Amino acid sequence: MQPSELRYRRAERELVLTWDDGTHTLSAEFLRVHSPSAEVQDHDGRGGVLPLHKQEVAITAIEPIGNYAVRLVFSDGHNTGLYSWETLHRLCQEHDHLWAVYQAAVASTEPIDPGKPVQTFQP
């Protein structure tokens, strides 16, 4: 299944996809945190990384990959996820559930304190 239309609304930071079963809108934040890349999805067995604080991320480029996928390049430099049409359609279909799970994960993490050192070292 391939979308009949794929359009990025820059001001809203949203990707609009039209499929045979309807039109769906996915935010750049949602797409970034659900990237199919190895670092996010744990393809290498080292544990996936949940990207946090991506509310302001934007898509800076959309690169076609053959007839089966696109590479989305994000303003935070992330560009390693290939979004197959199948993956994008699944993300559209499961958006509400996946977004709720992500929001719960964000709510359960400790906020970043910019004044608190991440690691201290004493010689």
N, C-alpha and C. Protein backbone atom coordinates (compact mmCIF):
# COMPACT_ATOMS: atom_id res chain seq x y z
N MET A 1 0.84 -1.18 0.00
CA MET A 1 0.00 0.00 0.00
C MET A 1 0.89 1.24 0.00
N GLN A 2 0.61 2.15 -0.90
CA GLN A 2 1.36 3.39 -1.01
C GLN A 2 0.37 4.56 -0.89
N PRO A 3 0.76 5.64 -0.20
CA PRO A 3 -0.18 6.76 -0.09
C PRO A 3 -0.37 7.43 -1.45
N SER A 4 -1.57 7.94 -1.68
CA SER A 4 -1.81 8.67 -2.92
C SER A 4 -1.31 10.11 -2.80
N GLU A 5 -1.12 10.57 -1.56
CA GLU A 5 -0.56 11.90 -1.33
C GLU A 5 0.24 11.89 -0.04
N LEU A 6 1.38 12.59 -0.08
CA LEU A 6 2.22 12.79 1.10
C LEU A 6 2.62 14.26 1.04
N ARG A 7 2.21 15.02 2.06
CA ARG A 7 2.45 16.47 2.05
C ARG A 7 2.90 16.90 3.44
N TYR A 8 3.92 17.75 3.50
CA TYR A 8 4.39 18.26 4.79
C TYR A 8 3.91 19.70 4.95
N ARG A 9 3.22 19.95 6.06
CA ARG A 9 2.79 21.31 6.39
C ARG A 9 3.81 21.88 7.37
N ARG A 10 4.70 22.69 6.81
CA ARG A 10 5.85 23.20 7.57
C ARG A 10 5.43 24.00 8.81
N ALA A 11 4.49 24.91 8.66
CA ALA A 11 4.10 25.76 9.79
C ALA A 11 3.52 24.95 10.95
N GLU A 12 2.79 23.90 10.63
CA GLU A 12 2.18 23.05 11.66
C GLU A 12 3.08 21.90 12.09
N ARG A 13 4.18 21.70 11.34
CA ARG A 13 5.10 20.57 11.56
C ARG A 13 4.34 19.25 11.54
N GLU A 14 3.56 19.06 10.47
CA GLU A 14 2.73 17.85 10.32
C GLU A 14 2.89 17.25 8.93
N LEU A 15 2.93 15.93 8.90
CA LEU A 15 2.95 15.18 7.65
C LEU A 15 1.53 14.67 7.42
N VAL A 16 0.98 14.99 6.25
CA VAL A 16 -0.37 14.57 5.90
C VAL A 16 -0.25 13.45 4.87
N LEU A 17 -0.85 12.32 5.18
CA LEU A 17 -0.81 11.15 4.29
C LEU A 17 -2.22 10.76 3.91
N THR A 18 -2.45 10.59 2.61
CA THR A 18 -3.75 10.14 2.13
C THR A 18 -3.60 8.72 1.61
N TRP A 19 -4.39 7.82 2.19
CA TRP A 19 -4.40 6.41 1.82
C TRP A 19 -5.77 6.07 1.25
N ASP A 20 -5.91 4.86 0.75
CA ASP A 20 -7.21 4.41 0.26
C ASP A 20 -8.27 4.43 1.36
N ASP A 21 -7.82 4.25 2.62
CA ASP A 21 -8.77 4.19 3.74
C ASP A 21 -8.91 5.52 4.49
N GLY A 22 -8.36 6.61 3.96
CA GLY A 22 -8.55 7.91 4.59
C GLY A 22 -7.28 8.74 4.66
N THR A 23 -7.44 9.95 5.16
CA THR A 23 -6.33 10.89 5.31
C THR A 23 -5.97 10.98 6.78
N HIS A 24 -4.67 10.96 7.05
CA HIS A 24 -4.17 11.00 8.42
C HIS A 24 -3.09 12.06 8.53
N THR A 25 -2.99 12.65 9.71
CA THR A 25 -1.98 13.67 9.98
C THR A 25 -1.11 13.20 11.13
N LEU A 26 0.21 13.21 10.91
CA LEU A 26 1.16 12.79 11.94
C LEU A 26 2.11 13.95 12.21
N SER A 27 2.28 14.30 13.47
CA SER A 27 3.19 15.39 13.82
C SER A 27 4.64 14.95 13.64
N ALA A 28 5.50 15.93 13.44
CA ALA A 28 6.93 15.64 13.33
C ALA A 28 7.44 15.01 14.63
N GLU A 29 6.94 15.48 15.76
CA GLU A 29 7.33 14.90 17.05
C GLU A 29 6.96 13.42 17.11
N PHE A 30 5.74 13.10 16.73
CA PHE A 30 5.29 11.70 16.74
C PHE A 30 6.17 10.85 15.83
N LEU A 31 6.45 11.33 14.64
CA LEU A 31 7.28 10.56 13.70
C LEU A 31 8.70 10.41 14.22
N ARG A 32 9.23 11.45 14.86
CA ARG A 32 10.60 11.38 15.38
C ARG A 32 10.71 10.35 16.50
N VAL A 33 9.75 10.37 17.42
CA VAL A 33 9.85 9.45 18.56
C VAL A 33 9.49 8.02 18.18
N HIS A 34 8.84 7.83 17.03
CA HIS A 34 8.52 6.48 16.55
C HIS A 34 9.35 6.12 15.33
N SER A 35 10.53 6.69 15.24
CA SER A 35 11.43 6.40 14.12
C SER A 35 11.72 4.90 14.05
N PRO A 36 11.72 4.34 12.85
CA PRO A 36 12.06 2.92 12.72
C PRO A 36 13.57 2.66 12.77
N SER A 37 14.35 3.64 13.17
CA SER A 37 15.81 3.47 13.23
C SER A 37 16.21 2.47 14.31
N ALA A 38 17.39 1.92 14.16
CA ALA A 38 17.91 0.94 15.12
C ALA A 38 18.04 1.54 16.52
N GLU A 39 18.48 2.78 16.62
CA GLU A 39 18.69 3.38 17.94
C GLU A 39 17.39 3.55 18.71
N VAL A 40 16.29 3.78 18.03
CA VAL A 40 15.00 3.96 18.70
C VAL A 40 14.31 2.62 18.92
N GLN A 41 14.37 1.73 17.94
CA GLN A 41 13.60 0.49 17.97
C GLN A 41 14.33 -0.71 18.54
N ASP A 42 15.59 -0.60 18.88
CA ASP A 42 16.36 -1.70 19.48
C ASP A 42 16.57 -2.86 18.51
N HIS A 43 16.90 -2.56 17.26
CA HIS A 43 17.18 -3.63 16.30
C HIS A 43 18.48 -4.37 16.62
N ASP A 44 19.38 -3.71 17.36
CA ASP A 44 20.68 -4.32 17.63
C ASP A 44 20.76 -4.99 19.00
N GLY A 45 19.67 -5.02 19.76
CA GLY A 45 19.65 -5.71 21.04
C GLY A 45 20.27 -4.96 22.19
N ARG A 46 20.61 -3.68 22.00
CA ARG A 46 21.22 -2.90 23.08
C ARG A 46 20.20 -2.07 23.86
N GLY A 47 18.95 -2.19 23.51
CA GLY A 47 17.92 -1.40 24.20
C GLY A 47 17.60 -0.15 23.41
N GLY A 48 16.35 0.03 23.08
CA GLY A 48 15.94 1.21 22.34
C GLY A 48 16.02 2.45 23.21
N VAL A 49 16.12 3.60 22.57
CA VAL A 49 16.19 4.87 23.27
C VAL A 49 14.91 5.64 22.99
N LEU A 50 14.21 6.03 24.03
CA LEU A 50 13.01 6.83 23.86
C LEU A 50 13.42 8.29 23.72
N PRO A 51 13.27 8.86 22.52
CA PRO A 51 13.63 10.27 22.36
C PRO A 51 12.63 11.14 23.13
N LEU A 52 13.13 12.03 23.95
CA LEU A 52 12.27 12.92 24.73
C LEU A 52 12.51 14.37 24.31
N HIS A 53 11.60 15.23 24.69
CA HIS A 53 11.71 16.67 24.45
C HIS A 53 11.87 16.98 22.96
N LYS A 54 10.99 16.42 22.16
CA LYS A 54 11.03 16.62 20.71
C LYS A 54 9.85 17.45 20.22
N GLN A 55 9.23 18.22 21.12
CA GLN A 55 8.06 19.00 20.76
C GLN A 55 8.35 20.00 19.64
N GLU A 56 9.55 20.52 19.59
CA GLU A 56 9.89 21.56 18.61
C GLU A 56 10.57 21.01 17.36
N VAL A 57 10.74 19.70 17.27
CA VAL A 57 11.43 19.12 16.12
C VAL A 57 10.58 19.32 14.86
N ALA A 58 11.27 19.52 13.76
CA ALA A 58 10.60 19.68 12.46
C ALA A 58 11.23 18.71 11.47
N ILE A 59 10.53 18.47 10.39
CA ILE A 59 11.09 17.68 9.29
C ILE A 59 11.73 18.67 8.32
N THR A 60 13.00 18.47 8.04
CA THR A 60 13.72 19.39 7.15
C THR A 60 13.85 18.85 5.74
N ALA A 61 13.68 17.55 5.56
CA ALA A 61 13.76 16.95 4.22
C ALA A 61 13.00 15.64 4.21
N ILE A 62 12.43 15.34 3.05
CA ILE A 62 11.77 14.06 2.81
C ILE A 62 12.41 13.49 1.55
N GLU A 63 13.11 12.36 1.72
CA GLU A 63 13.85 11.77 0.61
C GLU A 63 13.20 10.44 0.21
N PRO A 64 12.75 10.32 -1.05
CA PRO A 64 12.19 9.04 -1.49
C PRO A 64 13.26 7.96 -1.53
N ILE A 65 12.90 6.77 -1.10
CA ILE A 65 13.78 5.60 -1.15
C ILE A 65 13.07 4.57 -2.02
N GLY A 66 13.48 4.48 -3.27
CA GLY A 66 12.82 3.57 -4.21
C GLY A 66 11.34 3.86 -4.27
N ASN A 67 10.55 2.81 -4.41
CA ASN A 67 9.09 2.93 -4.43
C ASN A 67 8.46 2.41 -3.15
N TYR A 68 9.27 2.25 -2.10
CA TYR A 68 8.75 1.58 -0.90
C TYR A 68 8.87 2.38 0.39
N ALA A 69 9.59 3.51 0.38
CA ALA A 69 9.84 4.20 1.65
C ALA A 69 10.26 5.65 1.42
N VAL A 70 10.33 6.38 2.54
CA VAL A 70 10.93 7.71 2.55
C VAL A 70 11.86 7.79 3.76
N ARG A 71 12.89 8.59 3.60
CA ARG A 71 13.76 8.92 4.73
C ARG A 71 13.34 10.32 5.18
N LEU A 72 13.02 10.44 6.45
CA LEU A 72 12.69 11.75 7.00
C LEU A 72 13.92 12.28 7.72
N VAL A 73 14.28 13.51 7.40
CA VAL A 73 15.41 14.17 8.05
C VAL A 73 14.81 15.20 9.01
N PHE A 74 15.24 15.14 10.26
CA PHE A 74 14.66 15.99 11.30
C PHE A 74 15.63 17.10 11.69
N SER A 75 15.07 18.17 12.23
CA SER A 75 15.87 19.34 12.60
C SER A 75 16.85 19.07 13.73
N ASP A 76 16.69 17.97 14.46
CA ASP A 76 17.65 17.62 15.51
C ASP A 76 18.80 16.77 14.96
N GLY A 77 18.84 16.59 13.63
CA GLY A 77 19.92 15.84 12.99
C GLY A 77 19.62 14.38 12.75
N HIS A 78 18.54 13.87 13.30
CA HIS A 78 18.20 12.45 13.12
C HIS A 78 17.80 12.20 11.67
N ASN A 79 18.41 11.17 11.06
CA ASN A 79 18.10 10.86 9.65
C ASN A 79 18.29 9.39 9.32
N THR A 80 18.30 8.53 10.31
CA THR A 80 18.63 7.13 10.05
C THR A 80 17.43 6.20 9.94
N GLY A 81 16.23 6.72 10.08
CA GLY A 81 15.06 5.86 9.97
C GLY A 81 14.48 5.88 8.57
N LEU A 82 14.28 4.70 8.00
CA LEU A 82 13.58 4.59 6.72
C LEU A 82 12.13 4.22 7.01
N TYR A 83 11.23 5.08 6.64
CA TYR A 83 9.80 4.88 6.89
C TYR A 83 9.18 4.23 5.67
N SER A 84 9.01 2.91 5.73
CA SER A 84 8.36 2.21 4.62
C SER A 84 6.90 2.64 4.59
N TRP A 85 6.25 2.43 3.44
CA TRP A 85 4.82 2.74 3.36
C TRP A 85 4.05 1.93 4.39
N GLU A 86 4.45 0.69 4.58
CA GLU A 86 3.79 -0.17 5.57
C GLU A 86 3.92 0.42 6.98
N THR A 87 5.13 0.88 7.32
CA THR A 87 5.36 1.48 8.64
C THR A 87 4.53 2.74 8.81
N LEU A 88 4.52 3.61 7.81
CA LEU A 88 3.74 4.84 7.91
C LEU A 88 2.25 4.55 8.05
N HIS A 89 1.76 3.57 7.30
CA HIS A 89 0.34 3.23 7.40
C HIS A 89 0.02 2.68 8.79
N ARG A 90 0.90 1.85 9.33
CA ARG A 90 0.70 1.32 10.69
C ARG A 90 0.70 2.45 11.71
N LEU A 91 1.63 3.41 11.56
CA LEU A 91 1.67 4.54 12.48
C LEU A 91 0.39 5.36 12.41
N CYS A 92 -0.16 5.50 11.22
CA CYS A 92 -1.45 6.20 11.07
C CYS A 92 -2.56 5.44 11.78
N GLN A 93 -2.61 4.13 11.58
CA GLN A 93 -3.67 3.31 12.16
C GLN A 93 -3.58 3.23 13.68
N GLU A 94 -2.37 3.23 14.21
CA GLU A 94 -2.16 3.04 15.65
C GLU A 94 -1.82 4.34 16.37
N HIS A 95 -1.99 5.46 15.70
CA HIS A 95 -1.56 6.76 16.24
C HIS A 95 -2.06 7.02 17.66
N ASP A 96 -3.35 6.91 17.88
CA ASP A 96 -3.90 7.28 19.19
C ASP A 96 -3.31 6.44 20.31
N HIS A 97 -3.20 5.15 20.10
CA HIS A 97 -2.62 4.26 21.12
C HIS A 97 -1.14 4.59 21.34
N LEU A 98 -0.38 4.69 20.25
CA LEU A 98 1.06 4.96 20.37
C LEU A 98 1.32 6.32 21.02
N TRP A 99 0.51 7.31 20.69
CA TRP A 99 0.68 8.64 21.27
C TRP A 99 0.39 8.60 22.77
N ALA A 100 -0.65 7.88 23.19
CA ALA A 100 -0.98 7.77 24.61
C ALA A 100 0.14 7.07 25.38
N VAL A 101 0.71 6.03 24.81
CA VAL A 101 1.82 5.32 25.45
C VAL A 101 3.03 6.24 25.58
N TYR A 102 3.33 6.99 24.54
CA TYR A 102 4.45 7.93 24.56
C TYR A 102 4.22 9.02 25.62
N GLN A 103 3.03 9.60 25.64
CA GLN A 103 2.73 10.65 26.62
C GLN A 103 2.86 10.13 28.05
N ALA A 104 2.45 8.89 28.28
CA ALA A 104 2.60 8.30 29.61
C ALA A 104 4.08 8.13 29.96
N ALA A 105 4.88 7.72 28.99
CA ALA A 105 6.32 7.56 29.23
C ALA A 105 6.97 8.90 29.53
N VAL A 106 6.59 9.93 28.80
CA VAL A 106 7.13 11.27 29.04
C VAL A 106 6.74 11.75 30.43
N ALA A 107 5.51 11.53 30.81
CA ALA A 107 5.02 11.97 32.12
C ALA A 107 5.73 11.25 33.26
N SER A 108 6.20 10.03 33.01
CA SER A 108 6.83 9.25 34.08
C SER A 108 8.33 9.52 34.21
N THR A 109 8.90 10.31 33.31
CA THR A 109 10.33 10.62 33.39
C THR A 109 10.55 11.87 34.22
N GLU A 110 11.69 11.92 34.86
CA GLU A 110 12.04 13.07 35.67
C GLU A 110 12.41 14.23 34.76
N PRO A 111 11.87 15.42 35.02
CA PRO A 111 12.22 16.57 34.18
C PRO A 111 13.71 16.88 34.27
N ILE A 112 14.24 17.42 33.20
CA ILE A 112 15.66 17.78 33.15
C ILE A 112 15.86 19.08 33.90
N ASP A 113 16.80 19.09 34.84
CA ASP A 113 17.16 20.29 35.58
C ASP A 113 18.46 20.81 34.97
N PRO A 114 18.41 21.94 34.22
CA PRO A 114 19.62 22.41 33.56
C PRO A 114 20.74 22.79 34.51
N GLY A 115 20.41 23.05 35.78
CA GLY A 115 21.44 23.41 36.75
C GLY A 115 22.07 22.22 37.46
N LYS A 116 21.53 21.03 37.24
CA LYS A 116 22.02 19.83 37.91
C LYS A 116 23.02 19.10 37.01
N PRO A 117 24.22 18.82 37.52
CA PRO A 117 25.18 18.09 36.69
C PRO A 117 24.71 16.66 36.43
N VAL A 118 24.97 16.20 35.24
CA VAL A 118 24.60 14.84 34.87
C VAL A 118 25.53 13.85 35.53
N GLN A 119 26.79 14.19 35.58
CA GLN A 119 27.78 13.30 36.16
C GLN A 119 28.83 14.16 36.86
N THR A 120 29.27 13.73 38.01
CA THR A 120 30.33 14.46 38.70
C THR A 120 31.56 13.59 38.77
N PHE A 121 32.70 14.24 38.81
CA PHE A 121 33.97 13.52 38.89
C PHE A 121 34.84 14.21 39.92
N GLN A 122 35.39 13.41 40.81
CA GLN A 122 36.31 13.95 41.81
C GLN A 122 37.63 13.20 41.68
N PRO A 123 38.71 13.92 41.35
CA PRO A 123 40.02 13.25 41.19
C PRO A 123 40.56 12.72 42.51
